[in-house]
Amino acid sequence: MFEETRYVQSSIVVVFPQVLDIAKYSSKIEDILQGKYNPGIVVQIPGGFEPALPNLIFQSDHGYSQILLSQVNLVLNVSYSTDWQTDAHLGKEYLLDRIPLLFEIVNQVLRRSASITGITMVAEIPSAVSPEETIRYMAKKTLNKTDTPDVYEISLKLCKVLDNLYFSNTTFDFYRKWSTPNISPSVIRMSTKSATSYGIRVVSELNDRFAFNEVKGYNSSVESGIRLIGLAIDEIQAAAEQIIKEH
């Protein structure tokens, strides 16, 4: 009924107290990222705008990874090549290699303690049956509902607390993808029949916001980030296996 699970994207976000004039740290950050990322691109943000808008952007040599730095957070975005997507542990090792660099930037260059670290992982499970049958399957699996004649999409989000420290959010939804032209019109027609792929998307989001909320003086750390990466892999693999397990 389903094809092999593909782990398509991941991200890490490290939140810290506000730092003004981020651009002045560009050369020091480039030294840390040398050999892995191209020189930073400075984005001029007028005063009074949202401090979470990125001021510095670093693109990896291979193009699959990007680091965004704003006044209040540092974000690593990763899109995995097709030959990596069927092995979740390749993505895990990549994140484990990168997270010490992120904390070195925050702790040593910006001279800030991290407040919160978050990890997001996205998996897609392409369907081998019709969209209608896939939605019926999801409705029965997640909602114990079998009558779905008018349902076009379905989404379910679960939130729990792990180790009394970490929020763990898992989202299941039905996805469709379309091929879009290189030069797109202002409004794109996306008919159901023209979808090039569809299936179940699983998103796992873990962060130590619960510890930050509940533990006075809590600061996040590279050790917390490493722990979160391991938990995120476990959570998304378990969720993906559970949603396609028919019995």
Protein backbone atom coordinates (compact mmCIF):
# COMPACT_ATOMS: atom_id res chain seq x y z
CA MET A 1 0.00 0.00 0.00
CA PHE A 2 2.95 2.31 0.73
CA GLU A 3 6.41 2.78 -0.71
CA GLU A 4 9.57 3.06 1.39
CA THR A 5 9.68 5.89 3.94
CA ARG A 6 11.82 8.83 2.87
CA TYR A 7 13.42 11.21 5.35
CA VAL A 8 13.48 14.39 3.31
CA GLN A 9 14.27 17.35 5.57
CA SER A 10 15.65 18.30 8.97
CA SER A 11 16.30 21.51 10.84
CA ILE A 12 17.92 22.66 14.06
CA VAL A 13 17.12 25.97 15.74
CA VAL A 14 19.09 27.43 18.64
CA VAL A 15 17.39 30.36 20.40
CA PHE A 16 19.40 32.90 22.40
CA PRO A 17 19.04 36.39 23.96
CA GLN A 18 19.07 39.14 21.34
CA VAL A 19 22.36 40.20 19.75
CA LEU A 20 22.45 43.45 17.76
CA ASP A 21 24.62 44.08 14.69
CA ILE A 22 24.92 40.41 13.71
CA ALA A 23 26.77 41.24 10.47
CA LYS A 24 29.95 42.22 12.33
CA TYR A 25 30.45 38.59 13.38
CA SER A 26 30.48 37.32 9.79
CA SER A 27 34.24 36.76 9.43
CA LYS A 28 34.58 34.88 12.74
CA ILE A 29 31.68 32.62 11.80
CA GLU A 30 33.19 32.00 8.36
CA ASP A 31 36.35 30.76 10.08
CA ILE A 32 34.33 28.19 12.03
CA LEU A 33 32.40 27.05 8.94
CA GLN A 34 35.38 27.04 6.57
CA GLY A 35 35.44 24.01 4.30
CA LYS A 36 31.76 23.27 4.90
CA TYR A 37 29.95 26.50 3.94
CA ASN A 38 30.52 29.37 1.54
CA PRO A 39 31.18 32.91 2.84
CA GLY A 40 28.19 34.52 4.47
CA ILE A 41 25.69 36.71 2.68
CA VAL A 42 24.70 39.77 4.68
CA VAL A 43 21.01 40.69 4.54
CA GLN A 44 20.30 44.28 5.53
CA ILE A 45 17.28 44.44 7.85
CA PRO A 46 15.88 47.93 8.53
CA GLY A 47 15.46 48.90 12.16
CA GLY A 48 12.15 48.02 13.76
CA PHE A 49 11.66 44.80 11.80
CA GLU A 50 11.18 41.38 13.38
CA PRO A 51 14.48 40.38 15.09
CA ALA A 52 14.02 36.75 13.96
CA LEU A 53 14.56 37.75 10.31
CA PRO A 54 17.94 36.36 9.13
CA ASN A 55 20.84 38.81 8.89
CA LEU A 56 23.45 36.29 7.74
CA ILE A 57 23.04 33.33 5.38
CA PHE A 58 25.62 30.59 4.82
CA GLN A 59 25.09 28.09 1.98
CA SER A 60 26.87 24.73 1.93
CA ASP A 61 29.13 23.82 -1.00
CA HIS A 62 26.81 20.98 -2.07
CA GLY A 63 23.69 23.14 -1.79
CA TYR A 64 21.68 20.82 0.46
CA SER A 65 22.30 22.74 3.68
CA GLN A 66 21.89 26.33 4.81
CA ILE A 67 22.59 28.22 8.04
CA LEU A 68 20.54 31.33 8.87
CA LEU A 69 21.53 33.68 11.67
CA SER A 70 19.23 36.35 13.09
CA GLN A 71 19.44 38.53 16.19
CA VAL A 72 17.67 35.87 18.28
CA ASN A 73 18.26 32.46 16.70
CA LEU A 74 20.53 30.29 14.59
CA VAL A 75 18.85 27.88 12.17
CA LEU A 76 20.29 24.96 10.20
CA ASN A 77 18.07 23.75 7.34
CA VAL A 78 18.89 20.51 5.51
CA SER A 79 17.22 18.93 2.47
CA TYR A 80 18.49 15.41 1.80
CA SER A 81 19.48 14.08 -1.61
CA THR A 82 17.51 11.07 -2.86
CA ASP A 83 20.34 8.65 -2.07
CA TRP A 84 20.21 9.73 1.61
CA GLN A 85 16.44 9.79 2.04
CA THR A 86 15.92 6.08 2.74
CA ASP A 87 18.51 5.93 5.54
CA ALA A 88 17.54 8.07 8.53
CA HIS A 89 20.89 7.49 10.22
CA LEU A 90 22.77 9.35 7.48
CA GLY A 91 20.75 12.43 8.34
CA LYS A 92 21.32 11.82 12.04
CA GLU A 93 25.09 11.70 11.61
CA TYR A 94 24.99 14.89 9.54
CA LEU A 95 23.12 16.74 12.30
CA LEU A 96 25.44 15.38 14.97
CA ASP A 97 28.39 16.70 12.97
CA ARG A 98 26.84 20.16 12.63
CA ILE A 99 25.40 20.87 16.06
CA PRO A 100 28.76 21.51 17.80
CA LEU A 101 29.45 24.18 15.15
CA LEU A 102 26.14 25.89 15.91
CA PHE A 103 26.85 26.05 19.62
CA GLU A 104 30.39 27.24 19.00
CA ILE A 105 28.93 30.16 17.07
CA VAL A 106 26.38 30.98 19.78
CA ASN A 107 28.61 30.43 22.82
CA GLN A 108 32.04 31.52 21.59
CA VAL A 109 31.36 34.09 18.85
CA LEU A 110 28.11 35.69 19.99
CA ARG A 111 28.93 35.18 23.68
CA ARG A 112 25.43 34.00 24.47
CA SER A 113 24.02 31.05 26.37
CA ALA A 114 21.37 29.20 24.40
CA SER A 115 17.86 29.39 25.82
CA ILE A 116 16.15 26.67 23.75
CA THR A 117 17.15 24.11 21.13
CA GLY A 118 14.66 22.57 18.71
CA ILE A 119 14.93 19.74 16.19
CA THR A 120 12.47 19.13 13.34
CA MET A 121 12.50 16.09 11.04
CA VAL A 122 10.21 15.44 8.08
CA ALA A 123 9.44 12.03 6.57
CA GLU A 124 7.24 11.25 3.57
CA ILE A 125 5.65 7.89 2.86
CA PRO A 126 4.50 7.80 -0.79
CA SER A 127 1.27 5.93 -1.39
CA ALA A 128 0.87 3.19 -3.97
CA VAL A 129 -2.94 3.41 -3.97
CA SER A 130 -5.39 6.19 -4.81
CA PRO A 131 -5.59 9.42 -2.77
CA GLU A 132 -9.11 8.50 -1.67
CA GLU A 133 -8.00 5.10 -0.40
CA THR A 134 -5.00 6.64 1.35
CA ILE A 135 -7.21 9.16 3.15
CA ARG A 136 -9.63 6.43 4.16
CA TYR A 137 -6.73 4.46 5.57
CA MET A 138 -5.43 7.50 7.52
CA ALA A 139 -8.89 8.31 8.89
CA LYS A 140 -9.38 4.78 10.11
CA LYS A 141 -5.87 4.58 11.54
CA THR A 142 -5.83 7.92 13.36
CA LEU A 143 -9.50 8.71 14.03
CA ASN A 144 -11.14 5.26 13.86
CA LYS A 145 -13.38 6.77 11.17
CA THR A 146 -14.27 4.83 8.00
CA ASP A 147 -16.82 7.11 6.31
CA THR A 148 -14.76 9.76 4.45
CA PRO A 149 -16.53 10.55 1.14
CA ASP A 150 -15.89 14.32 1.23
CA VAL A 151 -12.52 14.43 3.02
CA TYR A 152 -9.79 16.04 0.90
CA GLU A 153 -7.05 16.25 3.52
CA ILE A 154 -6.46 14.93 7.01
CA SER A 155 -4.07 16.05 9.74
CA LEU A 156 -3.47 14.92 13.31
CA LYS A 157 -1.03 16.37 15.86
CA LEU A 158 0.07 14.73 19.10
CA CYS A 159 2.08 16.49 21.83
CA LYS A 160 3.79 14.80 24.77
CA VAL A 161 6.59 15.52 27.24
CA LEU A 162 9.68 13.28 27.31
CA ASP A 163 11.94 12.86 30.36
CA ASN A 164 10.10 15.77 31.98
CA LEU A 165 12.35 18.03 29.85
CA TYR A 166 11.35 17.96 26.19
CA PHE A 167 8.23 18.73 24.21
CA SER A 168 7.70 16.14 21.48
CA ASN A 169 5.19 17.04 18.75
CA THR A 170 4.31 14.53 16.05
CA THR A 171 2.10 15.50 13.10
CA PHE A 172 0.57 13.13 10.56
CA ASP A 173 -0.97 14.62 7.44
CA PHE A 174 -1.87 13.74 3.87
CA TYR A 175 0.31 15.48 1.30
CA ARG A 176 0.19 16.08 -2.43
CA LYS A 177 2.97 17.35 -4.69
CA TRP A 178 2.81 19.00 -8.09
CA SER A 179 5.37 19.80 -10.75
CA THR A 180 5.48 23.56 -11.24
CA PRO A 181 6.81 25.41 -14.30
CA ASN A 182 10.11 27.28 -14.06
CA ILE A 183 8.25 30.49 -14.84
CA SER A 184 5.10 30.34 -12.75
CA PRO A 185 1.93 32.34 -13.39
CA SER A 186 0.62 34.44 -10.54
CA VAL A 187 -1.97 31.75 -9.74
CA ILE A 188 -1.07 28.08 -10.35
CA ARG A 189 -3.73 25.49 -11.10
CA MET A 190 -3.20 22.41 -8.95
CA SER A 191 -5.85 19.88 -9.87
CA THR A 192 -6.05 16.66 -7.90
CA LYS A 193 -5.43 14.57 -11.02
CA SER A 194 -2.21 16.41 -11.88
CA ALA A 195 -0.51 15.67 -8.55
CA THR A 196 2.78 13.89 -9.24
CA SER A 197 2.93 12.18 -5.84
CA TYR A 198 0.97 11.92 -2.61
CA GLY A 199 1.01 10.00 0.63
CA ILE A 200 1.48 10.45 4.37
CA ARG A 201 3.83 13.05 5.81
CA VAL A 202 5.18 12.63 9.34
CA VAL A 203 6.76 15.61 11.11
CA SER A 204 8.59 15.18 14.41
CA GLU A 205 9.41 18.34 16.38
CA LEU A 206 11.34 18.13 19.64
CA ASN A 207 12.62 20.98 21.82
CA ASP A 208 13.67 21.70 25.39
CA ARG A 209 11.15 24.50 25.84
CA PHE A 210 9.48 22.49 28.62
CA ALA A 211 12.74 22.51 30.62
CA PHE A 212 13.19 26.23 29.89
CA ASN A 213 9.65 26.88 31.16
CA GLU A 214 9.86 24.74 34.28
CA VAL A 215 13.49 24.80 35.46
CA LYS A 216 14.70 28.13 36.83
CA GLY A 217 17.97 29.20 35.24
CA TYR A 218 17.85 26.51 32.56
CA ASN A 219 20.10 26.98 29.53
CA SER A 220 20.24 24.68 26.54
CA SER A 221 23.54 23.10 25.50
CA VAL A 222 25.22 21.05 22.81
CA GLU A 223 24.57 17.99 24.99
CA SER A 224 20.85 18.82 24.99
CA GLY A 225 20.96 19.18 21.21
CA ILE A 226 22.65 15.81 20.78
CA ARG A 227 20.03 14.20 23.02
CA LEU A 228 17.23 15.86 21.05
CA ILE A 229 18.62 14.59 17.73
CA GLY A 230 18.61 11.03 19.02
CA LEU A 231 15.09 11.36 20.39
CA ALA A 232 13.82 12.93 17.16
CA ILE A 233 15.15 10.03 15.08
CA ASP A 234 13.55 7.52 17.44
CA GLU A 235 10.24 9.38 17.47
CA ILE A 236 9.91 9.84 13.71
CA GLN A 237 10.92 6.28 12.89
CA ALA A 238 8.46 4.89 15.42
CA ALA A 239 5.68 7.18 14.14
CA ALA A 240 6.32 6.27 10.49
CA GLU A 241 6.34 2.55 11.28
CA GLN A 242 3.17 2.82 13.36
CA ILE A 243 1.13 4.77 10.79
CA ILE A 244 1.73 2.23 8.00
CA LYS A 245 1.39 -0.84 10.23
CA GLU A 246 -1.95 -2.28 9.19
CA HIS A 247 -2.62 -4.39 12.27
